[in-house]
Amino acid sequence: MRIESSVTSVSWLPLGAVQALPELAFASGVAHYDPPPPDQLHDPAGLLASDGARFLNQLRAFIEVQEGRITTHGHLGGGRIGSTTLRLGPAAVSFPGAAFPDLRPQPQVGNGWVRFQQTAGGRTGVAAPHLVRRRPFVQLAAPAVWTTLALTIHANGRSDFQMTGPAHSRGTGSTTTPAGWPKRVA
């Protein structure tokens, strides 16, 4: 019997998350904040395609069980970085982000369970100015975002998940993965 499970973290930019210099782009309407992601994520790729999130880390995995024993297992899924859309009046231009390679250590295999881990992330498509503590005190760089997820699948069909490392966003000074995530994909 094959048992599949998944967990997904979503990085989005909530209203008011950006401070200092980049806020001007949001206040003028050139850039935009994201609405909160849905509680049940049925179409992760569609959320990115509709510009509703900045980044997804979708850890999907499977185990195969025969007579109560795990015979094989494997990773599925992966990280996806969205595009950044800038608007000036009726015109809009989208800039693709750049994904980092997914990091997947060897799964841990125990008596009746397998634990998978995945770190995924990338850089957004547009550089943004942000304040730094050293000269010249302002830096122009595309923000980077990443998360580390863990998923344990048990031979009895149960699965557990967690965000094993904090969500990170570097470049704007904001953490964009909201509390309560990751959510199990239905």
N, C-alpha and C. Protein backbone atom coordinates (compact mmCIF):
# COMPACT_ATOMS: atom_id res chain seq x y z
N MET A 1 0.84 -1.16 0.00
CA MET A 1 0.00 0.00 0.00
C MET A 1 0.90 1.24 0.00
N ARG A 2 0.56 2.20 -0.84
CA ARG A 2 1.31 3.46 -0.92
C ARG A 2 0.60 4.52 -0.09
N ILE A 3 1.35 5.21 0.75
CA ILE A 3 0.82 6.29 1.58
C ILE A 3 1.58 7.56 1.21
N GLU A 4 0.85 8.59 0.78
CA GLU A 4 1.45 9.88 0.46
C GLU A 4 0.95 10.92 1.44
N SER A 5 1.79 11.90 1.73
CA SER A 5 1.40 13.01 2.58
C SER A 5 2.20 14.24 2.16
N SER A 6 1.76 15.41 2.62
CA SER A 6 2.47 16.63 2.26
C SER A 6 2.25 17.72 3.29
N VAL A 7 3.14 18.68 3.27
CA VAL A 7 3.03 19.89 4.07
C VAL A 7 3.60 21.03 3.22
N THR A 8 2.97 22.20 3.30
CA THR A 8 3.38 23.33 2.48
C THR A 8 3.50 24.59 3.33
N SER A 9 4.61 25.29 3.21
CA SER A 9 4.72 26.62 3.81
C SER A 9 4.54 27.63 2.69
N VAL A 10 3.88 28.73 3.01
CA VAL A 10 3.60 29.78 2.03
C VAL A 10 4.20 31.08 2.55
N SER A 11 4.97 31.73 1.72
CA SER A 11 5.52 33.03 2.06
C SER A 11 4.71 34.09 1.32
N TRP A 12 4.18 35.01 2.08
CA TRP A 12 3.37 36.09 1.51
C TRP A 12 3.72 37.38 2.23
N LEU A 13 3.34 38.48 1.67
CA LEU A 13 3.70 39.78 2.21
C LEU A 13 2.44 40.44 2.77
N PRO A 14 2.22 40.34 4.09
CA PRO A 14 1.02 40.93 4.68
C PRO A 14 1.09 42.46 4.72
N LEU A 15 -0.06 43.07 4.75
CA LEU A 15 -0.18 44.52 4.78
C LEU A 15 0.68 45.10 5.90
N GLY A 16 1.52 46.06 5.56
CA GLY A 16 2.34 46.75 6.55
C GLY A 16 3.64 46.05 6.91
N ALA A 17 3.97 44.93 6.26
CA ALA A 17 5.17 44.18 6.62
C ALA A 17 6.45 44.88 6.19
N VAL A 18 6.39 45.69 5.16
CA VAL A 18 7.58 46.36 4.64
C VAL A 18 7.71 47.73 5.28
N GLN A 19 8.93 48.05 5.70
CA GLN A 19 9.15 49.32 6.36
C GLN A 19 10.27 50.08 5.67
N ALA A 20 10.37 51.33 6.00
CA ALA A 20 11.43 52.22 5.52
C ALA A 20 11.30 52.49 4.03
N LEU A 21 12.41 52.43 3.31
CA LEU A 21 12.46 52.88 1.93
C LEU A 21 11.50 52.16 0.96
N PRO A 22 11.38 50.82 0.99
CA PRO A 22 10.51 50.17 0.01
C PRO A 22 9.03 50.51 0.18
N GLU A 23 8.63 51.01 1.35
CA GLU A 23 7.22 51.32 1.58
C GLU A 23 6.67 52.29 0.54
N LEU A 24 7.50 53.17 0.01
CA LEU A 24 7.06 54.12 -1.02
C LEU A 24 6.50 53.40 -2.23
N ALA A 25 7.11 52.28 -2.64
CA ALA A 25 6.62 51.51 -3.78
C ALA A 25 5.24 50.93 -3.50
N PHE A 26 5.00 50.52 -2.26
CA PHE A 26 3.69 49.96 -1.90
C PHE A 26 2.65 51.07 -1.79
N ALA A 27 3.02 52.19 -1.19
CA ALA A 27 2.09 53.30 -1.01
C ALA A 27 1.69 53.90 -2.36
N SER A 28 2.57 53.88 -3.33
CA SER A 28 2.27 54.45 -4.65
C SER A 28 1.51 53.49 -5.55
N GLY A 29 1.40 52.23 -5.15
CA GLY A 29 0.68 51.25 -5.97
C GLY A 29 1.55 50.51 -6.96
N VAL A 30 2.84 50.81 -7.00
CA VAL A 30 3.74 50.11 -7.92
C VAL A 30 3.90 48.65 -7.47
N ALA A 31 4.09 48.45 -6.18
CA ALA A 31 4.18 47.10 -5.61
C ALA A 31 2.91 46.83 -4.82
N HIS A 32 2.71 45.58 -4.40
CA HIS A 32 1.48 45.24 -3.68
C HIS A 32 1.75 44.26 -2.55
N TYR A 33 0.90 44.37 -1.53
CA TYR A 33 0.89 43.38 -0.46
C TYR A 33 0.02 42.22 -0.92
N ASP A 34 0.14 41.09 -0.24
CA ASP A 34 -0.63 39.90 -0.61
C ASP A 34 -1.78 39.69 0.37
N PRO A 35 -2.93 39.23 -0.11
CA PRO A 35 -4.00 38.85 0.82
C PRO A 35 -3.57 37.59 1.57
N PRO A 36 -4.12 37.35 2.76
CA PRO A 36 -3.76 36.12 3.49
C PRO A 36 -4.06 34.88 2.65
N PRO A 37 -3.20 33.88 2.70
CA PRO A 37 -3.45 32.65 1.93
C PRO A 37 -4.64 31.89 2.54
N PRO A 38 -5.27 31.03 1.76
CA PRO A 38 -6.42 30.28 2.28
C PRO A 38 -5.99 29.27 3.34
N ASP A 39 -6.92 28.90 4.22
CA ASP A 39 -6.63 27.90 5.25
C ASP A 39 -6.35 26.53 4.63
N GLN A 40 -7.08 26.19 3.58
CA GLN A 40 -6.85 24.94 2.86
C GLN A 40 -6.27 25.30 1.49
N LEU A 41 -5.10 24.80 1.21
CA LEU A 41 -4.39 25.13 -0.02
C LEU A 41 -4.60 24.02 -1.04
N HIS A 42 -5.57 24.20 -1.93
CA HIS A 42 -5.90 23.18 -2.92
C HIS A 42 -5.08 23.31 -4.20
N ASP A 43 -4.59 24.51 -4.50
CA ASP A 43 -3.88 24.75 -5.75
C ASP A 43 -2.65 25.63 -5.50
N PRO A 44 -1.57 25.04 -4.97
CA PRO A 44 -0.38 25.84 -4.66
C PRO A 44 0.18 26.57 -5.89
N ALA A 45 0.25 25.89 -7.02
CA ALA A 45 0.79 26.52 -8.24
C ALA A 45 -0.09 27.69 -8.67
N GLY A 46 -1.40 27.53 -8.53
CA GLY A 46 -2.33 28.60 -8.89
C GLY A 46 -2.18 29.82 -8.00
N LEU A 47 -1.87 29.60 -6.72
CA LEU A 47 -1.66 30.72 -5.80
C LEU A 47 -0.46 31.55 -6.25
N LEU A 48 0.62 30.88 -6.64
CA LEU A 48 1.79 31.61 -7.15
C LEU A 48 1.50 32.29 -8.48
N ALA A 49 0.82 31.57 -9.37
CA ALA A 49 0.53 32.12 -10.70
C ALA A 49 -0.37 33.35 -10.62
N SER A 50 -1.24 33.40 -9.63
CA SER A 50 -2.15 34.55 -9.49
C SER A 50 -1.52 35.68 -8.68
N ASP A 51 -0.24 35.57 -8.37
CA ASP A 51 0.49 36.59 -7.63
C ASP A 51 -0.04 36.72 -6.20
N GLY A 52 -0.57 35.61 -5.64
CA GLY A 52 -1.12 35.61 -4.29
C GLY A 52 -0.13 35.22 -3.23
N ALA A 53 1.08 34.84 -3.61
CA ALA A 53 2.13 34.48 -2.66
C ALA A 53 3.47 34.71 -3.34
N ARG A 54 4.52 34.76 -2.54
CA ARG A 54 5.86 35.01 -3.07
C ARG A 54 6.65 33.72 -3.27
N PHE A 55 6.35 32.72 -2.42
CA PHE A 55 7.19 31.53 -2.41
C PHE A 55 6.42 30.39 -1.73
N LEU A 56 6.64 29.16 -2.22
CA LEU A 56 6.07 27.97 -1.60
C LEU A 56 7.16 26.94 -1.36
N ASN A 57 7.11 26.29 -0.22
CA ASN A 57 7.94 25.13 0.02
C ASN A 57 6.97 23.98 0.23
N GLN A 58 6.83 23.13 -0.77
CA GLN A 58 5.89 22.02 -0.70
C GLN A 58 6.67 20.72 -0.58
N LEU A 59 6.67 20.17 0.63
CA LEU A 59 7.32 18.89 0.89
C LEU A 59 6.25 17.81 0.76
N ARG A 60 6.38 16.99 -0.26
CA ARG A 60 5.49 15.84 -0.46
C ARG A 60 6.38 14.61 -0.43
N ALA A 61 5.85 13.54 0.14
CA ALA A 61 6.64 12.32 0.23
C ALA A 61 5.70 11.12 0.27
N PHE A 62 6.30 9.92 0.11
CA PHE A 62 5.50 8.70 0.16
C PHE A 62 6.29 7.59 0.83
N ILE A 63 5.54 6.62 1.33
CA ILE A 63 6.11 5.36 1.78
C ILE A 63 5.26 4.25 1.19
N GLU A 64 5.85 3.11 1.00
CA GLU A 64 5.11 1.92 0.60
C GLU A 64 5.21 0.91 1.72
N VAL A 65 4.06 0.33 2.10
CA VAL A 65 3.98 -0.56 3.25
C VAL A 65 3.43 -1.91 2.80
N GLN A 66 4.11 -2.97 3.20
CA GLN A 66 3.64 -4.34 2.96
C GLN A 66 3.70 -5.09 4.28
N GLU A 67 2.56 -5.65 4.67
CA GLU A 67 2.45 -6.41 5.91
C GLU A 67 2.96 -5.60 7.11
N GLY A 68 2.60 -4.31 7.14
CA GLY A 68 2.97 -3.45 8.25
C GLY A 68 4.40 -2.97 8.26
N ARG A 69 5.18 -3.32 7.23
CA ARG A 69 6.59 -2.96 7.15
C ARG A 69 6.81 -1.99 5.99
N ILE A 70 7.60 -0.95 6.21
CA ILE A 70 7.92 0.02 5.15
C ILE A 70 8.96 -0.61 4.23
N THR A 71 8.61 -0.71 2.93
CA THR A 71 9.50 -1.34 1.96
C THR A 71 10.26 -0.33 1.10
N THR A 72 9.68 0.84 0.88
CA THR A 72 10.37 1.88 0.10
C THR A 72 9.78 3.23 0.47
N HIS A 73 10.49 4.29 0.11
CA HIS A 73 10.04 5.65 0.41
C HIS A 73 10.68 6.61 -0.56
N GLY A 74 10.12 7.82 -0.68
CA GLY A 74 10.71 8.81 -1.57
C GLY A 74 10.14 10.20 -1.39
N HIS A 75 10.93 11.19 -1.81
CA HIS A 75 10.54 12.60 -1.81
C HIS A 75 9.75 12.93 -3.06
N LEU A 76 8.81 13.84 -2.93
CA LEU A 76 8.09 14.45 -4.05
C LEU A 76 8.04 15.95 -3.75
N GLY A 77 7.50 16.74 -4.65
CA GLY A 77 7.33 18.17 -4.39
C GLY A 77 8.63 18.94 -4.48
N GLY A 78 8.61 20.15 -3.95
CA GLY A 78 9.79 21.00 -3.97
C GLY A 78 9.42 22.45 -3.77
N GLY A 79 10.43 23.30 -3.77
CA GLY A 79 10.20 24.73 -3.60
C GLY A 79 9.87 25.40 -4.92
N ARG A 80 9.09 26.47 -4.82
CA ARG A 80 8.74 27.27 -6.00
C ARG A 80 8.76 28.74 -5.61
N ILE A 81 9.42 29.54 -6.43
CA ILE A 81 9.46 30.98 -6.19
C ILE A 81 8.60 31.65 -7.25
N GLY A 82 7.81 32.61 -6.84
CA GLY A 82 6.91 33.29 -7.77
C GLY A 82 7.57 34.46 -8.47
N SER A 83 6.78 35.18 -9.21
CA SER A 83 7.23 36.38 -9.89
C SER A 83 6.82 37.60 -9.08
N THR A 84 7.52 38.69 -9.29
CA THR A 84 7.17 39.96 -8.67
C THR A 84 6.57 40.85 -9.75
N THR A 85 5.36 41.31 -9.53
CA THR A 85 4.67 42.15 -10.51
C THR A 85 4.69 43.60 -10.03
N LEU A 86 5.16 44.48 -10.89
CA LEU A 86 5.14 45.92 -10.63
C LEU A 86 4.14 46.56 -11.57
N ARG A 87 3.37 47.53 -11.04
CA ARG A 87 2.34 48.20 -11.84
C ARG A 87 2.58 49.70 -11.84
N LEU A 88 2.38 50.29 -12.99
CA LEU A 88 2.42 51.74 -13.11
C LEU A 88 1.21 52.11 -13.95
N GLY A 89 0.15 52.57 -13.29
CA GLY A 89 -1.11 52.82 -13.98
C GLY A 89 -1.67 51.50 -14.49
N PRO A 90 -2.08 51.47 -15.76
CA PRO A 90 -2.65 50.23 -16.29
C PRO A 90 -1.59 49.21 -16.73
N ALA A 91 -0.34 49.62 -16.79
CA ALA A 91 0.73 48.73 -17.25
C ALA A 91 1.26 47.88 -16.09
N ALA A 92 1.59 46.63 -16.38
CA ALA A 92 2.17 45.73 -15.38
C ALA A 92 3.29 44.92 -16.01
N VAL A 93 4.35 44.74 -15.25
CA VAL A 93 5.48 43.95 -15.70
C VAL A 93 5.82 42.96 -14.59
N SER A 94 6.02 41.68 -14.96
CA SER A 94 6.38 40.66 -13.98
C SER A 94 7.83 40.24 -14.17
N PHE A 95 8.52 40.07 -13.05
CA PHE A 95 9.92 39.66 -13.04
C PHE A 95 10.02 38.34 -12.30
N PRO A 96 10.52 37.29 -12.97
CA PRO A 96 10.60 35.99 -12.30
C PRO A 96 11.63 35.99 -11.17
N GLY A 97 11.33 35.24 -10.12
CA GLY A 97 12.27 35.06 -9.03
C GLY A 97 13.30 34.00 -9.40
N ALA A 98 14.30 33.84 -8.56
CA ALA A 98 15.34 32.83 -8.79
C ALA A 98 15.34 31.86 -7.61
N ALA A 99 15.06 30.60 -7.89
CA ALA A 99 14.99 29.58 -6.83
C ALA A 99 16.39 29.12 -6.44
N PHE A 100 16.57 28.86 -5.15
CA PHE A 100 17.77 28.18 -4.66
C PHE A 100 17.55 26.68 -4.87
N PRO A 101 18.60 25.89 -4.94
CA PRO A 101 18.41 24.43 -5.02
C PRO A 101 17.75 23.92 -3.73
N ASP A 102 16.81 23.00 -3.88
CA ASP A 102 16.20 22.37 -2.71
C ASP A 102 17.24 21.53 -1.99
N LEU A 103 17.24 21.59 -0.67
CA LEU A 103 18.14 20.77 0.15
C LEU A 103 17.30 19.68 0.80
N ARG A 104 17.67 18.43 0.54
CA ARG A 104 16.94 17.28 1.07
C ARG A 104 17.92 16.27 1.66
N PRO A 105 18.13 16.32 2.95
CA PRO A 105 19.01 15.29 3.54
C PRO A 105 18.35 13.92 3.42
N GLN A 106 19.16 12.89 3.58
CA GLN A 106 18.63 11.52 3.53
C GLN A 106 17.51 11.39 4.56
N PRO A 107 16.39 10.77 4.19
CA PRO A 107 15.31 10.56 5.17
C PRO A 107 15.78 9.69 6.33
N GLN A 108 15.24 9.97 7.50
CA GLN A 108 15.51 9.15 8.69
C GLN A 108 14.46 8.04 8.70
N VAL A 109 14.91 6.81 8.82
CA VAL A 109 14.02 5.66 8.83
C VAL A 109 14.01 5.05 10.22
N GLY A 110 12.82 4.93 10.81
CA GLY A 110 12.68 4.33 12.12
C GLY A 110 11.78 3.11 12.05
N ASN A 111 11.43 2.58 13.18
CA ASN A 111 10.56 1.42 13.26
C ASN A 111 9.11 1.85 12.98
N GLY A 112 8.68 1.70 11.73
CA GLY A 112 7.32 2.05 11.35
C GLY A 112 7.12 3.49 10.94
N TRP A 113 8.18 4.22 10.65
CA TRP A 113 8.06 5.61 10.21
C TRP A 113 9.27 6.04 9.39
N VAL A 114 9.05 7.08 8.57
CA VAL A 114 10.14 7.73 7.82
C VAL A 114 9.95 9.23 7.97
N ARG A 115 11.03 9.94 8.30
CA ARG A 115 10.99 11.40 8.46
C ARG A 115 11.76 12.04 7.32
N PHE A 116 11.07 12.90 6.58
CA PHE A 116 11.64 13.61 5.45
C PHE A 116 11.86 15.07 5.87
N GLN A 117 12.88 15.70 5.29
CA GLN A 117 13.14 17.11 5.57
C GLN A 117 13.49 17.80 4.26
N GLN A 118 13.08 19.07 4.15
CA GLN A 118 13.36 19.83 2.92
C GLN A 118 13.51 21.31 3.26
N THR A 119 14.61 21.90 2.78
CA THR A 119 14.80 23.34 2.85
C THR A 119 14.71 23.86 1.43
N ALA A 120 13.87 24.86 1.23
CA ALA A 120 13.70 25.44 -0.11
C ALA A 120 13.56 26.95 0.03
N GLY A 121 13.91 27.65 -1.04
CA GLY A 121 13.81 29.11 -1.01
C GLY A 121 14.30 29.71 -2.31
N GLY A 122 14.48 31.02 -2.28
CA GLY A 122 14.95 31.72 -3.46
C GLY A 122 14.99 33.22 -3.23
N ARG A 123 15.27 33.94 -4.30
CA ARG A 123 15.27 35.41 -4.28
C ARG A 123 14.11 35.92 -5.12
N THR A 124 13.48 36.98 -4.65
CA THR A 124 12.38 37.57 -5.39
C THR A 124 12.89 38.18 -6.69
N GLY A 125 11.97 38.51 -7.57
CA GLY A 125 12.34 38.99 -8.89
C GLY A 125 12.80 40.42 -8.98
N VAL A 126 12.59 41.22 -7.94
CA VAL A 126 12.94 42.64 -8.00
C VAL A 126 13.75 43.03 -6.78
N ALA A 127 14.84 43.72 -7.03
CA ALA A 127 15.65 44.24 -5.93
C ALA A 127 14.90 45.38 -5.25
N ALA A 128 15.10 45.49 -3.95
CA ALA A 128 14.46 46.55 -3.17
C ALA A 128 15.50 47.20 -2.28
N PRO A 129 15.43 48.52 -2.14
CA PRO A 129 16.37 49.18 -1.23
C PRO A 129 15.98 48.88 0.22
N HIS A 130 16.97 48.65 1.06
CA HIS A 130 16.71 48.46 2.48
C HIS A 130 17.88 49.01 3.29
N LEU A 131 17.59 49.40 4.50
CA LEU A 131 18.58 49.99 5.38
C LEU A 131 19.51 48.91 5.93
N VAL A 132 20.80 49.23 6.01
CA VAL A 132 21.79 48.35 6.61
C VAL A 132 22.60 49.17 7.62
N ARG A 133 23.30 48.49 8.52
CA ARG A 133 24.01 49.17 9.61
C ARG A 133 25.37 49.73 9.20
N ARG A 134 25.84 49.42 8.03
CA ARG A 134 27.16 49.89 7.61
C ARG A 134 27.03 50.80 6.38
N ARG A 135 28.09 51.48 6.08
CA ARG A 135 28.07 52.36 4.91
C ARG A 135 27.80 51.54 3.67
N PRO A 136 27.05 51.97 2.75
CA PRO A 136 26.43 53.29 2.59
C PRO A 136 25.07 53.41 3.28
N PHE A 137 24.70 52.48 4.17
CA PHE A 137 23.49 52.48 4.98
C PHE A 137 22.23 52.14 4.21
N VAL A 138 22.33 52.06 2.91
CA VAL A 138 21.22 51.59 2.07
C VAL A 138 21.80 50.59 1.08
N GLN A 139 21.12 49.48 0.93
CA GLN A 139 21.59 48.44 0.01
C GLN A 139 20.45 48.08 -0.93
N LEU A 140 20.78 47.78 -2.16
CA LEU A 140 19.80 47.37 -3.16
C LEU A 140 20.03 45.89 -3.46
N ALA A 141 19.09 45.05 -3.04
CA ALA A 141 19.23 43.61 -3.25
C ALA A 141 17.84 42.97 -3.27
N ALA A 142 17.72 41.90 -4.03
CA ALA A 142 16.47 41.15 -4.05
C ALA A 142 16.36 40.36 -2.74
N PRO A 143 15.23 40.46 -2.07
CA PRO A 143 15.06 39.71 -0.81
C PRO A 143 15.13 38.20 -1.04
N ALA A 144 15.71 37.50 -0.08
CA ALA A 144 15.77 36.04 -0.11
C ALA A 144 14.82 35.49 0.94
N VAL A 145 14.18 34.38 0.62
CA VAL A 145 13.25 33.74 1.55
C VAL A 145 13.46 32.24 1.50
N TRP A 146 13.36 31.57 2.66
CA TRP A 146 13.48 30.11 2.67
C TRP A 146 12.83 29.56 3.94
N THR A 147 12.42 28.31 3.89
CA THR A 147 11.90 27.60 5.05
C THR A 147 12.43 26.17 5.05
N THR A 148 12.43 25.56 6.23
CA THR A 148 12.77 24.15 6.37
C THR A 148 11.58 23.44 6.98
N LEU A 149 11.11 22.41 6.29
CA LEU A 149 9.96 21.62 6.72
C LEU A 149 10.37 20.19 7.00
N ALA A 150 9.64 19.55 7.91
CA ALA A 150 9.83 18.12 8.18
C ALA A 150 8.47 17.44 8.12
N LEU A 151 8.46 16.23 7.60
CA LEU A 151 7.24 15.44 7.46
C LEU A 151 7.57 14.01 7.85
N THR A 152 6.82 13.47 8.80
CA THR A 152 7.01 12.07 9.22
C THR A 152 5.76 11.30 8.81
N ILE A 153 5.97 10.24 8.04
CA ILE A 153 4.87 9.38 7.61
C ILE A 153 5.02 8.04 8.33
N HIS A 154 3.94 7.60 8.95
CA HIS A 154 3.94 6.35 9.71
C HIS A 154 3.29 5.23 8.90
N ALA A 155 3.69 4.01 9.15
CA ALA A 155 3.17 2.85 8.43
C ALA A 155 1.67 2.67 8.64
N ASN A 156 1.12 3.22 9.74
CA ASN A 156 -0.32 3.10 9.99
C ASN A 156 -1.14 4.17 9.27
N GLY A 157 -0.47 5.03 8.45
CA GLY A 157 -1.16 6.05 7.67
C GLY A 157 -1.15 7.43 8.30
N ARG A 158 -0.75 7.54 9.54
CA ARG A 158 -0.69 8.83 10.22
C ARG A 158 0.53 9.61 9.73
N SER A 159 0.42 10.94 9.71
CA SER A 159 1.58 11.77 9.38
C SER A 159 1.63 12.97 10.31
N ASP A 160 2.85 13.42 10.58
CA ASP A 160 3.10 14.58 11.43
C ASP A 160 3.99 15.53 10.63
N PHE A 161 3.82 16.83 10.88
CA PHE A 161 4.66 17.79 10.16
C PHE A 161 5.02 18.94 11.08
N GLN A 162 6.10 19.63 10.72
CA GLN A 162 6.51 20.80 11.46
C GLN A 162 7.45 21.65 10.62
N MET A 163 7.54 22.91 11.00
CA MET A 163 8.55 23.80 10.44
C MET A 163 9.73 23.68 11.39
N THR A 164 10.81 23.04 10.95
CA THR A 164 11.92 22.72 11.85
C THR A 164 12.87 23.88 12.05
N GLY A 165 12.88 24.80 11.14
CA GLY A 165 13.69 26.01 11.27
C GLY A 165 12.78 27.19 11.05
N PRO A 166 13.15 28.35 11.56
CA PRO A 166 12.30 29.52 11.36
C PRO A 166 12.23 29.90 9.89
N ALA A 167 11.13 30.55 9.53
CA ALA A 167 11.02 31.10 8.18
C ALA A 167 11.91 32.33 8.12
N HIS A 168 12.57 32.51 7.00
CA HIS A 168 13.50 33.62 6.86
C HIS A 168 13.17 34.46 5.64
N SER A 169 13.35 35.73 5.77
CA SER A 169 13.31 36.63 4.64
C SER A 169 14.38 37.67 4.87
N ARG A 170 15.32 37.76 3.95
CA ARG A 170 16.40 38.72 4.08
C ARG A 170 16.29 39.73 2.96
N GLY A 171 16.41 40.97 3.30
CA GLY A 171 16.44 42.01 2.28
C GLY A 171 15.43 43.09 2.58
N THR A 172 14.27 42.75 3.12
CA THR A 172 13.29 43.78 3.46
C THR A 172 13.14 43.90 4.96
N GLY A 173 13.76 42.99 5.71
CA GLY A 173 13.63 43.03 7.15
C GLY A 173 12.34 42.40 7.64
N SER A 174 11.57 41.76 6.77
CA SER A 174 10.29 41.18 7.19
C SER A 174 10.33 39.67 7.11
N THR A 175 9.63 39.03 8.03
CA THR A 175 9.42 37.60 7.95
C THR A 175 8.06 37.41 7.32
N THR A 176 7.99 36.67 6.25
CA THR A 176 6.76 36.64 5.48
C THR A 176 5.96 35.36 5.61
N THR A 177 6.41 34.41 6.41
CA THR A 177 5.60 33.22 6.62
C THR A 177 4.79 33.43 7.88
N PRO A 178 3.46 33.46 7.77
CA PRO A 178 2.63 33.80 8.92
C PRO A 178 2.57 32.67 9.94
N ALA A 179 2.20 33.02 11.17
CA ALA A 179 2.00 32.02 12.21
C ALA A 179 0.88 31.08 11.77
N GLY A 180 0.96 29.85 12.20
CA GLY A 180 -0.08 28.90 11.83
C GLY A 180 0.27 28.06 10.62
N TRP A 181 1.23 28.49 9.84
CA TRP A 181 1.67 27.68 8.71
C TRP A 181 2.86 26.89 9.19
N PRO A 182 3.17 25.73 8.70
CA PRO A 182 2.65 25.15 7.48
C PRO A 182 1.26 24.55 7.62
N LYS A 183 0.57 24.45 6.52
CA LYS A 183 -0.75 23.84 6.45
C LYS A 183 -0.66 22.55 5.65
N ARG A 184 -1.45 21.60 6.02
CA ARG A 184 -1.51 20.35 5.28
C ARG A 184 -2.31 20.60 4.00
N VAL A 185 -1.80 20.14 2.88
CA VAL A 185 -2.50 20.29 1.61
C VAL A 185 -3.60 19.24 1.53
N ALA A 186 -4.81 19.68 1.23
CA ALA A 186 -5.93 18.74 1.15
C ALA A 186 -5.90 17.94 -0.12
